[in-house]
Amino acid sequence: MVSATDRCRVCDEPLTPGATFCPHCGARVTTERVVDDERSGRVWLPVAAIVAVVAIVAVVAIALATTSGGGGGEAPGTSVSPATQSPPVTTSRPPTTRPPVTTPRSS
C-alpha cells in the first residue's frame, strides 16, 4: 500500500508503511492520492445547496397551487346556483351638488 519512500502530498513529510493518515498533518493517505479531509467535505456543499433550492421551489409551487389565490377558481364547496345568486353590484356617480349651468339666450 504505502512504501517507506512515500511522502505526504499535503505536507511532504515521510509516511510510515501502512499509514492511513499522515502523522504530521493528519491528511488521509490513499493509494491514489492524499485527500485532505477539509477539502473532501466541500464537494457535498454545492450538491446540498442545489437539493435545498429544488426542495424550496417544490414546496412554494405546491403551496401556490393549493391556495385559493393560485388556482383562480372558487374554493371547493362554495359554488352558488344561478337562482340564488345576488345581482351584480353596480356603482353609479354620486349626484352633483352644484347647480346646472345655464347659458344666456341671445336675441
C-alpha atoms as a PDB file:
ATOM      1  CA  MET A   1       0.000   0.000   0.000  1.00  0.00           C
ATOM      2  CA  VAL A   2       2.354   2.760   1.197  1.00  0.00           C
ATOM      3  CA  SER A   3       6.075   2.201   0.820  1.00  0.00           C
ATOM      4  CA  ALA A   4       8.787   3.591   3.110  1.00  0.00           C
ATOM      5  CA  THR A   5       9.795   6.161   0.498  1.00  0.00           C
ATOM      6  CA  ASP A   6       6.305   7.652   0.073  1.00  0.00           C
ATOM      7  CA  ARG A   7       5.737  11.145   1.299  1.00  0.00           C
ATOM      8  CA  CYS A   8       2.599  13.031   2.246  1.00  0.00           C
ATOM      9  CA  ARG A   9       1.312  15.051  -0.675  1.00  0.00           C
ATOM     10  CA  VAL A  10      -0.053  17.748   1.626  1.00  0.00           C
ATOM     11  CA  CYS A  11       2.942  18.482   3.886  1.00  0.00           C
ATOM     12  CA  ASP A  12       5.651  16.372   2.147  1.00  0.00           C
ATOM     13  CA  GLU A  13       6.607  14.549   5.366  1.00  0.00           C
ATOM     14  CA  PRO A  14       7.692  10.888   5.098  1.00  0.00           C
ATOM     15  CA  LEU A  15       4.962   8.296   5.648  1.00  0.00           C
ATOM     16  CA  THR A  16       5.352   5.074   7.568  1.00  0.00           C
ATOM     17  CA  PRO A  17       4.460   1.824   5.745  1.00  0.00           C
ATOM     18  CA  GLY A  18       0.753   1.038   6.041  1.00  0.00           C
ATOM     19  CA  ALA A  19      -0.156   4.517   7.276  1.00  0.00           C
ATOM     20  CA  THR A  20      -3.696   5.677   6.564  1.00  0.00           C
ATOM     21  CA  PHE A  21      -3.136   9.196   7.918  1.00  0.00           C
ATOM     22  CA  CYS A  22      -0.088  11.446   7.823  1.00  0.00           C
ATOM     23  CA  PRO A  23       1.480  11.609  11.304  1.00  0.00           C
ATOM     24  CA  HIS A  24       2.401  15.273  10.765  1.00  0.00           C
ATOM     25  CA  CYS A  25      -0.673  16.978   9.219  1.00  0.00           C
ATOM     26  CA  GLY A  26      -3.361  14.299   9.639  1.00  0.00           C
ATOM     27  CA  ALA A  27      -4.309  14.136   5.952  1.00  0.00           C
ATOM     28  CA  ARG A  28      -5.821  10.834   4.817  1.00  0.00           C
ATOM     29  CA  VAL A  29      -3.468   8.655   2.751  1.00  0.00           C
ATOM     30  CA  THR A  30      -4.851   6.557  -0.100  1.00  0.00           C
ATOM     31  CA  THR A  31      -3.170   4.508  -2.781  1.00  0.00           C
ATOM     32  CA  GLU A  32      -4.157   7.053  -5.429  1.00  0.00           C
ATOM     33  CA  ARG A  33      -3.579  10.331  -3.655  1.00  0.00           C
ATOM     34  CA  VAL A  34      -3.716  12.142  -0.338  1.00  0.00           C
ATOM     35  CA  VAL A  35      -7.160  13.509   0.382  1.00  0.00           C
ATOM     36  CA  ASP A  36      -7.407  16.477   2.679  1.00  0.00           C
ATOM     37  CA  ASP A  37     -10.423  15.901   4.936  1.00  0.00           C
ATOM     38  CA  GLU A  38     -11.449  19.566   4.865  1.00  0.00           C
ATOM     39  CA  ARG A  39     -11.376  19.725   1.078  1.00  0.00           C
ATOM     40  CA  SER A  40     -13.269  16.472   0.581  1.00  0.00           C
ATOM     41  CA  GLY A  41     -16.163  17.850   2.629  1.00  0.00           C
ATOM     42  CA  ARG A  42     -16.557  20.797   0.282  1.00  0.00           C
ATOM     43  CA  VAL A  43     -17.657  18.548  -2.583  1.00  0.00           C
ATOM     44  CA  TRP A  44     -21.025  17.978  -0.916  1.00  0.00           C
ATOM     45  CA  LEU A  45     -21.709  21.663  -0.264  1.00  0.00           C
ATOM     46  CA  PRO A  46     -22.821  22.560  -3.832  1.00  0.00           C
ATOM     47  CA  VAL A  47     -24.846  19.346  -4.084  1.00  0.00           C
ATOM     48  CA  ALA A  48     -26.597  20.077  -0.785  1.00  0.00           C
ATOM     49  CA  ALA A  49     -27.294  23.660  -1.880  1.00  0.00           C
ATOM     50  CA  ILE A  50     -28.880  22.514  -5.149  1.00  0.00           C
ATOM     51  CA  VAL A  51     -31.027  19.935  -3.359  1.00  0.00           C
ATOM     52  CA  ALA A  52     -32.165  22.577  -0.857  1.00  0.00           C
ATOM     53  CA  VAL A  53     -33.118  25.041  -3.623  1.00  0.00           C
ATOM     54  CA  VAL A  54     -35.079  22.376  -5.518  1.00  0.00           C
ATOM     55  CA  ALA A  55     -36.928  21.407  -2.330  1.00  0.00           C
ATOM     56  CA  ILE A  56     -37.824  25.032  -1.553  1.00  0.00           C
ATOM     57  CA  VAL A  57     -39.074  25.633  -5.099  1.00  0.00           C
ATOM     58  CA  ALA A  58     -41.202  22.473  -4.922  1.00  0.00           C
ATOM     59  CA  VAL A  59     -42.755  23.495  -1.594  1.00  0.00           C
ATOM     60  CA  VAL A  60     -43.550  27.002  -2.868  1.00  0.00           C
ATOM     61  CA  ALA A  61     -45.062  25.639  -6.093  1.00  0.00           C
ATOM     62  CA  ILE A  62     -47.274  23.214  -4.176  1.00  0.00           C
ATOM     63  CA  ALA A  63     -48.320  25.946  -1.746  1.00  0.00           C
ATOM     64  CA  LEU A  64     -49.273  28.299  -4.577  1.00  0.00           C
ATOM     65  CA  ALA A  65     -51.194  25.586  -6.412  1.00  0.00           C
ATOM     66  CA  THR A  66     -53.273  24.665  -3.368  1.00  0.00           C
ATOM     67  CA  THR A  67     -54.223  28.158  -2.208  1.00  0.00           C
ATOM     68  CA  SER A  68     -57.388  29.823  -3.458  1.00  0.00           C
ATOM     69  CA  GLY A  69     -55.370  32.691  -4.946  1.00  0.00           C
ATOM     70  CA  GLY A  70     -53.225  30.425  -7.087  1.00  0.00           C
ATOM     71  CA  GLY A  71     -55.972  28.488  -8.892  1.00  0.00           C
ATOM     72  CA  GLY A  72     -58.127  31.413  -9.900  1.00  0.00           C
ATOM     73  CA  GLY A  73     -61.335  29.468  -9.259  1.00  0.00           C
ATOM     74  CA  GLU A  74     -63.742  29.266  -6.371  1.00  0.00           C
ATOM     75  CA  ALA A  75     -62.836  27.395  -3.225  1.00  0.00           C
ATOM     76  CA  PRO A  76     -64.265  23.867  -3.057  1.00  0.00           C
ATOM     77  CA  GLY A  77     -67.817  23.659  -1.719  1.00  0.00           C
ATOM     78  CA  THR A  78     -68.645  27.356  -2.242  1.00  0.00           C
ATOM     79  CA  SER A  79     -70.478  27.170  -5.569  1.00  0.00           C
ATOM     80  CA  VAL A  80     -73.686  29.205  -5.802  1.00  0.00           C
ATOM     81  CA  SER A  81     -76.565  28.251  -8.064  1.00  0.00           C
ATOM     82  CA  PRO A  82     -77.689  30.958 -10.515  1.00  0.00           C
ATOM     83  CA  ALA A  83     -81.176  31.111  -8.912  1.00  0.00           C
ATOM     84  CA  THR A  84     -79.817  32.137  -5.518  1.00  0.00           C
ATOM     85  CA  GLN A  85     -77.052  34.338  -6.842  1.00  0.00           C
ATOM     86  CA  SER A  86     -77.416  38.020  -5.976  1.00  0.00           C
ATOM     87  CA  PRO A  87     -77.362  40.584  -8.785  1.00  0.00           C
ATOM     88  CA  PRO A  88     -74.008  42.163  -9.548  1.00  0.00           C
ATOM     89  CA  VAL A  89     -73.182  45.315  -7.652  1.00  0.00           C
ATOM     90  CA  THR A  90     -73.026  48.411  -9.823  1.00  0.00           C
ATOM     91  CA  THR A  91     -71.591  51.717  -8.860  1.00  0.00           C
ATOM     92  CA  SER A  92     -73.114  54.953 -10.017  1.00  0.00           C
ATOM     93  CA  ARG A  93     -71.946  58.501  -9.862  1.00  0.00           C
ATOM     94  CA  PRO A  94     -72.992  60.416  -6.805  1.00  0.00           C
ATOM     95  CA  PRO A  95     -75.290  63.320  -7.562  1.00  0.00           C
ATOM     96  CA  THR A  96     -73.564  66.615  -8.082  1.00  0.00           C
ATOM     97  CA  THR A  97     -74.217  69.427  -5.640  1.00  0.00           C
ATOM     98  CA  ARG A  98     -73.610  72.325  -7.948  1.00  0.00           C
ATOM     99  CA  PRO A  99     -76.443  73.948  -9.893  1.00  0.00           C
ATOM    100  CA  PRO A 100     -76.880  73.251 -13.573  1.00  0.00           C
ATOM    101  CA  VAL A 101     -75.042  75.512 -15.974  1.00  0.00           C
ATOM    102  CA  THR A 102     -77.298  77.971 -17.846  1.00  0.00           C
ATOM    103  CA  THR A 103     -76.385  79.998 -20.854  1.00  0.00           C
ATOM    104  CA  PRO A 104     -77.948  83.358 -21.661  1.00  0.00           C
ATOM    105  CA  ARG A 105     -80.283  83.478 -24.635  1.00  0.00           C
ATOM    106  CA  SER A 106     -79.312  85.633 -27.489  1.00  0.00           C
ATOM    107  CA  SER A 107     -81.934  87.767 -29.183  1.00  0.00           C
END
